[in-house]
Amino acid sequence: MAFTFFSNDIAIDLGTANTLIWMKGSVVLNQPSIVAFDRTTKRIVAIGEEAQNMVGKTHRDIRTIRPLKDGVIADFEIAEGMLRAFIRKISPAWQPARRVVICVPSGITEVEKRAVRDSAEHAGAKEVYLIAEPMAAAIGVGLNVAEPVGNVIVDIGGGTTEIAVIALSGIVNDESIRIAGDEMTNAVILFFKKNYNILIGERTAENIKCQVGSAMPQDPEIEIEVKGRDLVNGIPRMTQVSSKDIRDALNESVTVMIDAVRSLLERTPPELAADIFDRGIMLTGGGALLKGLSERICRETNLPVHVAEDPLTAVVRGTGKVLDNLSEFSSVLIKSRRY
């Protein structure tokens, strides 16, 4: 499709934790969805990694926020500014993108769809198309979504966990829960507060989750040192915790996700259930990298569970494929009412 190659068409995975952009056949941007801005003027000071390095370290004139919450836009103006800045980052000789495909949570409301569409249009897009995250993830991992065969996708992002049964280019059943990576990070912060009287920052909690977080017992269990602020006397303190403690902290979030998977499987038509028994469940998104999660889901559902290759980029790769073949994939796009 020669035209797409020369045009400025882009595909965007606008996530709560990270924004990924696909252009001309590859992922050209992968940055945290964080913005630092001046409280008085609302002027954006930094975005992405630069803004992430400022989290918890800013003075009173600068504020850092995530403009997306639970997979949808929480601060319209800042989200639009972030999107515009990211697009400019990948294309210095910036010309407005002609066509943009953006993936959104499957449980999104009409108002939230409108906010995403408007943000992209204000950032310069001429045509905006929306696709549900589980559908994009399925296409990204190479599944043939047009077949009359059932596939289960579990996409664990930062703000939402999207679970869907896909067949014949459509979502047969879906479950979208707002328990995902961020909720697990908060669970780690809360664990230290309750059990050790230590307050740790979001970035520290995220690192602990990635390093030693797990859903199943590990062999061997790991001990790590954690630094934070003592809540009793207010001075910095260090403590040691084991990976078992962190697993206990994450257990509630993991259980809710698995219950959502089981709830979806219970509502699946029997013919598709037979396909799922053979093909199993596909995990995508950053949460799929949690140690032992695939084993735990396998144990609790008695179904084969596969972790996608490079799960972090599965959604944006699928969105990119749709962008490159819009006519072929037109049936998988979200039909949105125009106001």
Protein backbone atom coordinates (compact mmCIF):
# COMPACT_ATOMS: atom_id res chain seq x y z
CA MET A 1 0.00 0.00 0.00
CA ALA A 2 2.36 2.69 -1.30
CA PHE A 3 0.17 5.63 -0.28
CA THR A 4 0.36 4.74 3.44
CA PHE A 5 4.15 4.64 3.31
CA PHE A 6 4.47 8.20 2.08
CA SER A 7 1.68 9.66 4.19
CA ASN A 8 1.86 10.55 7.85
CA ASP A 9 -0.71 7.95 8.97
CA ILE A 10 -0.17 6.69 12.52
CA ALA A 11 -1.57 4.08 14.90
CA ILE A 12 -1.71 4.90 18.62
CA ASP A 13 -2.01 2.75 21.72
CA LEU A 14 -3.07 5.50 24.12
CA GLY A 15 -2.56 3.67 27.39
CA THR A 16 -2.95 4.70 31.02
CA ALA A 17 0.70 3.80 31.73
CA ASN A 18 2.38 4.08 28.31
CA THR A 19 1.67 5.60 24.91
CA LEU A 20 2.98 3.70 21.88
CA ILE A 21 2.91 4.99 18.32
CA TRP A 22 3.26 2.90 15.16
CA MET A 23 4.27 4.50 11.89
CA LYS A 24 5.40 3.06 8.55
CA GLY A 25 5.68 -0.53 9.75
CA SER A 26 7.32 -0.15 13.16
CA VAL A 27 6.89 1.15 16.71
CA VAL A 28 8.45 4.62 16.60
CA LEU A 29 7.57 5.78 20.13
CA ASN A 30 7.11 4.06 23.47
CA GLN A 31 6.89 6.56 26.34
CA PRO A 32 5.14 6.78 29.73
CA SER A 33 1.79 8.62 29.53
CA ILE A 34 2.92 11.28 31.99
CA VAL A 35 2.90 15.06 31.62
CA ALA A 36 4.61 17.72 33.75
CA PHE A 37 3.00 21.14 33.43
CA ASP A 38 3.07 24.59 34.98
CA ARG A 39 0.19 24.90 37.47
CA THR A 40 -0.40 28.58 36.67
CA THR A 41 -0.23 28.69 32.87
CA LYS A 42 -1.04 24.98 32.15
CA ARG A 43 1.97 25.07 29.78
CA ILE A 44 3.46 21.60 29.28
CA VAL A 45 7.02 21.46 30.67
CA ALA A 46 7.88 17.81 29.91
CA ILE A 47 6.26 14.62 28.63
CA GLY A 48 7.04 10.90 28.66
CA GLU A 49 10.28 9.70 30.25
CA GLU A 50 11.42 13.24 31.04
CA ALA A 51 8.18 13.86 32.99
CA GLN A 52 8.41 10.44 34.66
CA ASN A 53 11.83 11.36 36.08
CA MET A 54 10.16 14.36 37.74
CA VAL A 55 7.42 12.35 39.49
CA GLY A 56 7.53 12.99 43.24
CA LYS A 57 10.39 15.48 42.84
CA THR A 58 8.68 18.64 41.56
CA HIS A 59 8.37 22.01 43.31
CA ARG A 60 5.00 23.67 43.90
CA ASP A 61 4.80 25.41 40.49
CA ILE A 62 5.09 22.18 38.49
CA ARG A 63 2.63 19.29 38.65
CA THR A 64 3.01 15.83 37.09
CA ILE A 65 -0.12 13.89 36.12
CA ARG A 66 -1.28 11.03 33.99
CA PRO A 67 -3.96 12.51 31.72
CA LEU A 68 -5.53 9.04 31.33
CA LYS A 69 -7.19 7.12 34.11
CA ASP A 70 -8.55 3.58 33.83
CA GLY A 71 -7.85 3.59 30.09
CA VAL A 72 -9.85 6.74 29.32
CA ILE A 73 -9.08 10.46 29.14
CA ALA A 74 -9.38 12.15 32.55
CA ASP A 75 -7.87 15.53 31.61
CA PHE A 76 -8.90 16.46 28.08
CA GLU A 77 -6.68 19.53 27.62
CA ILE A 78 -3.48 17.87 28.94
CA ALA A 79 -4.16 14.63 26.98
CA GLU A 80 -4.50 16.62 23.78
CA GLY A 81 -1.25 18.51 24.49
CA MET A 82 0.55 15.22 25.24
CA LEU A 83 -0.72 13.63 22.03
CA ARG A 84 0.34 16.64 19.97
CA ALA A 85 3.81 16.64 21.59
CA PHE A 86 4.29 12.89 21.02
CA ILE A 87 3.31 13.21 17.34
CA ARG A 88 5.74 16.10 16.97
CA LYS A 89 8.47 13.99 18.60
CA ILE A 90 8.25 11.27 15.95
CA SER A 91 7.95 13.65 13.01
CA PRO A 92 10.00 16.86 13.48
CA ALA A 93 8.98 18.19 10.06
CA TRP A 94 5.49 17.91 11.48
CA GLN A 95 2.53 17.79 9.19
CA PRO A 96 -0.85 16.72 10.51
CA ALA A 97 -1.49 12.98 10.36
CA ARG A 98 -4.10 12.24 7.72
CA ARG A 99 -5.43 9.07 9.30
CA VAL A 100 -5.09 7.91 12.90
CA VAL A 101 -6.24 4.60 14.37
CA ILE A 102 -6.48 4.64 18.19
CA CYS A 103 -7.25 1.68 20.41
CA VAL A 104 -9.62 2.13 23.36
CA PRO A 105 -10.96 -0.13 26.17
CA SER A 106 -13.84 -2.37 25.06
CA GLY A 107 -16.09 -1.04 27.86
CA ILE A 108 -15.75 2.60 26.74
CA THR A 109 -18.85 4.83 26.72
CA GLU A 110 -20.01 7.03 23.83
CA VAL A 111 -18.85 10.16 25.70
CA GLU A 112 -15.39 8.66 26.27
CA LYS A 113 -15.16 7.67 22.58
CA ARG A 114 -15.99 11.22 21.66
CA ALA A 115 -13.23 12.56 23.97
CA VAL A 116 -10.59 10.31 22.36
CA ARG A 117 -11.77 11.19 18.85
CA ASP A 118 -11.81 14.94 19.60
CA SER A 119 -8.35 14.84 21.21
CA ALA A 120 -6.87 13.25 18.10
CA GLU A 121 -8.66 15.69 15.80
CA HIS A 122 -7.48 18.69 17.85
CA ALA A 123 -3.95 17.26 17.69
CA GLY A 124 -4.19 17.50 13.89
CA ALA A 125 -5.70 14.21 12.61
CA LYS A 126 -8.00 14.41 9.60
CA GLU A 127 -9.67 10.98 9.97
CA VAL A 128 -9.87 9.12 13.30
CA TYR A 129 -10.77 5.45 13.67
CA LEU A 130 -11.22 3.57 16.96
CA ILE A 131 -10.57 -0.11 17.67
CA ALA A 132 -11.17 -2.11 20.88
CA GLU A 133 -7.96 -3.08 22.70
CA PRO A 134 -8.61 -6.87 22.84
CA MET A 135 -9.33 -6.89 19.08
CA ALA A 136 -6.11 -4.95 18.37
CA ALA A 137 -4.17 -7.33 20.65
CA ALA A 138 -5.57 -10.39 18.85
CA ILE A 139 -4.55 -8.97 15.45
CA GLY A 140 -1.16 -7.97 16.89
CA VAL A 141 -0.32 -11.51 18.03
CA GLY A 142 -1.21 -12.87 14.59
CA LEU A 143 -4.62 -14.47 15.22
CA ASN A 144 -7.00 -14.63 12.26
CA VAL A 145 -9.91 -12.76 13.85
CA ALA A 146 -12.16 -13.22 10.80
CA GLU A 147 -12.37 -17.01 11.25
CA PRO A 148 -15.51 -18.60 12.77
CA VAL A 149 -13.30 -19.79 15.64
CA GLY A 150 -13.27 -18.57 19.25
CA ASN A 151 -10.16 -16.89 20.68
CA VAL A 152 -9.80 -15.55 24.21
CA ILE A 153 -7.59 -12.50 24.71
CA VAL A 154 -6.64 -11.16 28.15
CA ASP A 155 -4.96 -7.76 27.77
CA ILE A 156 -3.59 -6.51 31.11
CA GLY A 157 -2.61 -2.86 30.78
CA GLY A 158 -1.95 -0.11 33.31
CA GLY A 159 -5.52 1.04 33.98
CA THR A 160 -7.73 -1.79 32.71
CA THR A 161 -7.74 -5.52 32.13
CA GLU A 162 -9.61 -6.31 28.92
CA ILE A 163 -10.90 -9.84 28.46
CA ALA A 164 -12.72 -10.80 25.26
CA VAL A 165 -13.90 -13.77 23.22
CA ILE A 166 -13.32 -12.93 19.55
CA ALA A 167 -14.78 -14.64 16.47
CA LEU A 168 -15.84 -13.57 12.95
CA SER A 169 -14.19 -10.10 13.24
CA GLY A 170 -16.26 -9.22 16.28
CA ILE A 171 -16.24 -9.37 20.07
CA VAL A 172 -18.72 -12.07 21.16
CA ASN A 173 -18.35 -11.42 24.91
CA ASP A 174 -16.16 -9.03 26.80
CA GLU A 175 -15.29 -8.05 30.33
CA SER A 176 -13.45 -4.82 31.13
CA ILE A 177 -12.30 -4.39 34.73
CA ARG A 178 -10.41 -1.45 36.19
CA ILE A 179 -8.01 -3.70 38.07
CA ALA A 180 -4.66 -3.91 36.28
CA GLY A 181 -1.01 -2.83 36.60
CA ASP A 182 -1.71 0.44 38.47
CA GLU A 183 -3.92 -1.32 41.00
CA MET A 184 -1.15 -3.85 41.66
CA THR A 185 1.37 -1.01 42.16
CA ASN A 186 -1.02 0.65 44.66
CA ALA A 187 -1.39 -2.70 46.45
CA VAL A 188 2.40 -2.77 46.98
CA ILE A 189 2.36 0.82 48.39
CA LEU A 190 -0.51 -0.10 50.74
CA PHE A 191 1.27 -3.29 51.86
CA PHE A 192 4.32 -1.32 53.07
CA LYS A 193 2.10 1.27 54.74
CA LYS A 194 0.09 -1.32 56.69
CA ASN A 195 2.80 -3.85 57.52
CA TYR A 196 5.98 -1.81 57.85
CA ASN A 197 4.77 1.77 58.51
CA ILE A 198 6.85 2.86 55.53
CA LEU A 199 5.69 5.15 52.75
CA ILE A 200 7.22 4.33 49.35
CA GLY A 201 6.81 6.19 46.07
CA GLU A 202 4.94 4.98 43.00
CA ARG A 203 8.14 4.38 41.00
CA THR A 204 9.68 2.34 43.81
CA ALA A 205 6.51 0.24 44.07
CA GLU A 206 6.48 -0.28 40.29
CA ASN A 207 10.12 -1.48 40.38
CA ILE A 208 9.39 -3.87 43.26
CA LYS A 209 6.39 -5.30 41.37
CA CYS A 210 8.46 -5.84 38.21
CA GLN A 211 11.51 -7.28 39.99
CA VAL A 212 9.97 -9.66 42.53
CA GLY A 213 6.18 -9.59 42.00
CA SER A 214 4.65 -12.98 41.22
CA ALA A 215 1.36 -14.86 41.10
CA MET A 216 2.79 -18.29 42.04
CA PRO A 217 5.47 -19.44 44.54
CA GLN A 218 8.98 -18.87 43.19
CA ASP A 219 11.99 -21.12 43.57
CA PRO A 220 13.99 -19.67 45.20
CA GLU A 221 12.09 -16.83 46.90
CA ILE A 222 14.03 -13.54 46.70
CA GLU A 223 14.82 -11.01 49.45
CA ILE A 224 15.08 -7.31 48.52
CA GLU A 225 15.91 -4.09 50.33
CA VAL A 226 13.30 -1.33 50.20
CA LYS A 227 13.87 2.31 51.12
CA GLY A 228 11.08 4.69 52.09
CA ARG A 229 9.93 7.21 54.69
CA ASP A 230 9.07 6.04 58.18
CA LEU A 231 5.46 7.06 58.89
CA VAL A 232 6.04 7.24 62.66
CA ASN A 233 9.10 9.50 62.94
CA GLY A 234 9.25 10.83 59.36
CA ILE A 235 12.86 9.92 58.62
CA PRO A 236 14.13 7.70 55.74
CA ARG A 237 14.30 3.99 56.60
CA MET A 238 15.23 0.74 54.91
CA THR A 239 13.67 -2.69 55.39
CA GLN A 240 13.97 -6.15 53.86
CA VAL A 241 11.06 -8.05 52.34
CA SER A 242 10.72 -11.36 50.52
CA SER A 243 9.05 -12.04 47.19
CA LYS A 244 6.42 -14.04 49.14
CA ASP A 245 5.32 -10.81 50.90
CA ILE A 246 4.93 -9.04 47.58
CA ARG A 247 2.99 -12.00 46.16
CA ASP A 248 0.58 -11.77 49.12
CA ALA A 249 0.20 -8.02 48.44
CA LEU A 250 -0.67 -8.68 44.77
CA ASN A 251 -2.89 -11.69 45.41
CA GLU A 252 -6.19 -9.80 45.69
CA SER A 253 -5.73 -8.03 42.32
CA VAL A 254 -4.66 -11.28 40.62
CA THR A 255 -7.70 -13.12 42.07
CA VAL A 256 -10.09 -10.43 40.75
CA MET A 257 -8.56 -10.74 37.25
CA ILE A 258 -8.88 -14.55 37.26
CA ASP A 259 -12.48 -14.32 38.52
CA ALA A 260 -13.23 -11.97 35.58
CA VAL A 261 -11.73 -14.50 33.13
CA ARG A 262 -13.86 -17.28 34.62
CA SER A 263 -16.97 -15.09 34.56
CA LEU A 264 -16.41 -14.44 30.83
CA LEU A 265 -15.85 -18.15 30.09
CA GLU A 266 -19.14 -18.98 31.85
CA ARG A 267 -21.00 -16.67 29.44
CA THR A 268 -19.34 -18.06 26.31
CA PRO A 269 -21.54 -19.98 23.83
CA PRO A 270 -20.81 -23.76 23.95
CA GLU A 271 -19.53 -24.01 20.34
CA LEU A 272 -16.94 -21.32 21.02
CA ALA A 273 -16.10 -22.88 24.40
CA ALA A 274 -15.03 -26.02 22.51
CA ASP A 275 -12.61 -23.90 20.39
CA ILE A 276 -11.24 -22.21 23.51
CA PHE A 277 -10.61 -25.60 25.13
CA ASP A 278 -8.32 -26.45 22.19
CA ARG A 279 -6.72 -23.04 21.62
CA GLY A 280 -6.51 -21.72 25.17
CA ILE A 281 -6.08 -18.16 26.42
CA MET A 282 -3.67 -15.54 25.05
CA LEU A 283 -2.15 -13.01 27.49
CA THR A 284 -0.99 -9.60 26.25
CA GLY A 285 -0.12 -6.24 27.83
CA GLY A 286 2.53 -5.40 30.44
CA GLY A 287 0.69 -7.32 33.17
CA ALA A 288 1.25 -10.56 31.21
CA LEU A 289 4.91 -10.33 32.30
CA LEU A 290 4.03 -10.87 35.99
CA LYS A 291 5.95 -14.00 37.01
CA GLY A 292 3.78 -17.11 37.32
CA LEU A 293 0.57 -15.41 36.12
CA SER A 294 0.12 -17.72 33.11
CA GLU A 295 0.63 -20.79 35.35
CA ARG A 296 -1.89 -19.49 37.88
CA ILE A 297 -4.57 -18.84 35.22
CA CYS A 298 -3.83 -22.26 33.69
CA ARG A 299 -4.23 -23.94 37.10
CA GLU A 300 -7.50 -22.16 37.89
CA THR A 301 -9.19 -22.56 34.47
CA ASN A 302 -7.65 -25.88 33.31
CA LEU A 303 -6.99 -24.25 29.93
CA PRO A 304 -3.70 -23.78 28.08
CA VAL A 305 -2.40 -20.22 28.59
CA HIS A 306 0.06 -18.55 26.20
CA VAL A 307 1.96 -15.30 26.77
CA ALA A 308 2.26 -13.28 23.55
CA GLU A 309 5.69 -12.57 22.11
CA ASP A 310 6.56 -9.01 23.21
CA PRO A 311 3.21 -8.54 25.03
CA LEU A 312 3.85 -4.82 25.66
CA THR A 313 3.63 -3.95 21.96
CA ALA A 314 0.93 -6.45 20.88
CA VAL A 315 -1.87 -3.85 20.93
CA VAL A 316 0.00 -1.19 18.95
CA ARG A 317 1.23 -3.80 16.42
CA GLY A 318 -2.37 -4.89 15.85
CA THR A 319 -3.50 -1.26 15.55
CA GLY A 320 -0.70 -0.71 13.00
CA LYS A 321 -1.83 -3.70 10.93
CA VAL A 322 -5.36 -2.29 10.87
CA LEU A 323 -4.01 1.11 9.79
CA ASP A 324 -2.04 -0.49 6.93
CA ASN A 325 -5.12 -2.39 5.69
CA LEU A 326 -8.10 -0.24 6.65
CA SER A 327 -10.38 -1.64 3.95
CA GLU A 328 -9.64 -5.26 4.93
CA PHE A 329 -10.14 -4.58 8.65
CA SER A 330 -13.04 -2.13 8.41
CA SER A 331 -15.38 -4.64 10.12
CA VAL A 332 -13.27 -4.70 13.32
CA LEU A 333 -13.37 -0.91 13.86
CA ILE A 334 -15.73 0.53 16.49
CA LYS A 335 -18.81 2.03 14.92
CA SER A 336 -19.28 5.32 16.75
CA ARG A 337 -22.36 7.49 16.59
CA ARG A 338 -21.61 10.94 15.21
CA TYR A 339 -23.22 13.79 17.16
